[in-house]
Amino acid sequence: MKAEIHPDNYRLVAFKDMSNDDVFITKSTVNAKETIDFDGVEYPLVKLEISRTSHPFYTGKSKLVDTAGRIDKFKTKYAKFKKEEE
């Protein structure tokens, strides 16, 4: 491995899956603006839309998670291009 190319500022960070409120702690260098108190310890918080506990590949369930309303935005945006049937 090349020397001095990897970050050295790893710390424990809480990642929260917003679709099911699952929280897990792991080491990361990510910048976080929020914090969370987890088991009496305060950690930097990173919010996720999907994680291993809600992703269909890992859960085995076919579930569509549309937290940002992307499908509705798409339909609204392209509704004006819809062909009119005669």
Protein backbone atom coordinates (compact mmCIF):
# COMPACT_ATOMS: atom_id res chain seq x y z
CA MET A 1 0.00 0.00 0.00
CA LYS A 2 1.10 3.55 -0.62
CA ALA A 3 2.11 5.48 2.45
CA GLU A 4 0.24 8.59 3.65
CA ILE A 5 -2.71 8.44 1.23
CA HIS A 6 -5.35 7.22 3.67
CA PRO A 7 -7.13 9.54 6.13
CA ASP A 8 -6.14 9.28 9.77
CA ASN A 9 -9.10 11.11 11.34
CA TYR A 10 -11.45 8.13 11.79
CA ARG A 11 -13.96 8.38 14.64
CA LEU A 12 -17.15 6.63 15.70
CA VAL A 13 -20.19 7.95 13.82
CA ALA A 14 -23.89 7.04 14.08
CA PHE A 15 -25.72 6.30 10.84
CA LYS A 16 -29.55 6.42 11.00
CA ASP A 17 -31.82 4.85 8.42
CA MET A 18 -34.71 7.32 8.18
CA SER A 19 -37.10 4.78 6.63
CA ASN A 20 -37.11 2.49 9.69
CA ASP A 21 -35.18 4.45 12.39
CA ASP A 22 -32.42 1.82 12.64
CA VAL A 23 -29.17 3.27 14.04
CA PHE A 24 -25.74 1.70 13.73
CA ILE A 25 -22.33 2.90 14.87
CA THR A 26 -19.17 2.54 12.78
CA LYS A 27 -15.89 4.34 12.18
CA SER A 28 -15.93 7.01 9.50
CA THR A 29 -14.32 10.27 8.39
CA VAL A 30 -17.60 11.77 7.13
CA ASN A 31 -18.47 15.31 8.23
CA ALA A 32 -21.71 15.51 10.20
CA LYS A 33 -23.64 18.61 11.26
CA GLU A 34 -25.99 16.85 13.69
CA THR A 35 -25.41 14.67 16.74
CA ILE A 36 -27.38 11.90 18.41
CA ASP A 37 -27.34 10.46 21.92
CA PHE A 38 -27.11 6.68 21.55
CA ASP A 39 -26.76 4.46 24.64
CA GLY A 40 -25.71 7.47 26.71
CA VAL A 41 -22.93 8.54 24.33
CA GLU A 42 -23.14 11.45 21.88
CA TYR A 43 -22.08 10.66 18.30
CA PRO A 44 -22.01 12.68 15.06
CA LEU A 45 -25.14 11.72 13.06
CA VAL A 46 -25.45 10.91 9.36
CA LYS A 47 -28.99 10.33 8.05
CA LEU A 48 -29.52 7.72 5.32
CA GLU A 49 -32.54 7.11 3.10
CA ILE A 50 -31.77 3.41 2.82
CA SER A 51 -29.41 0.99 4.55
CA ARG A 52 -28.83 -2.73 4.97
CA THR A 53 -31.93 -2.99 7.19
CA SER A 54 -34.30 -1.51 4.60
CA HIS A 55 -32.74 -2.32 1.19
CA PRO A 56 -34.78 -4.94 -0.72
CA PHE A 57 -31.65 -6.92 -1.62
CA TYR A 58 -30.82 -7.54 2.04
CA THR A 59 -34.36 -7.83 3.39
CA GLY A 60 -35.69 -10.09 0.63
CA LYS A 61 -38.78 -7.90 0.36
CA SER A 62 -39.67 -5.98 -2.75
CA LYS A 63 -40.46 -2.59 -1.27
CA LEU A 64 -40.24 0.80 -2.95
CA VAL A 65 -38.90 3.52 -0.68
CA ASP A 66 -39.75 6.93 -2.10
CA THR A 67 -38.97 9.29 0.77
CA ALA A 68 -38.25 12.28 -1.46
CA GLY A 69 -41.33 11.93 -3.69
CA ARG A 70 -39.16 11.38 -6.76
CA ILE A 71 -41.80 9.38 -8.60
CA ASP A 72 -44.42 12.10 -8.16
CA LYS A 73 -41.94 14.77 -9.27
CA PHE A 74 -41.13 12.74 -12.39
CA LYS A 75 -44.79 12.21 -13.27
CA THR A 76 -45.58 15.89 -12.77
CA LYS A 77 -42.58 17.02 -14.83
CA TYR A 78 -43.32 14.78 -17.80
CA ALA A 79 -47.13 14.95 -17.73
CA LYS A 80 -47.05 17.74 -20.29
CA PHE A 81 -45.36 15.42 -22.81
CA LYS A 82 -47.99 12.73 -22.51
CA LYS A 83 -49.56 11.92 -25.87
CA GLU A 84 -53.26 12.55 -26.08
CA GLU A 85 -55.25 9.62 -27.40
CA GLU A 86 -57.73 10.37 -30.12
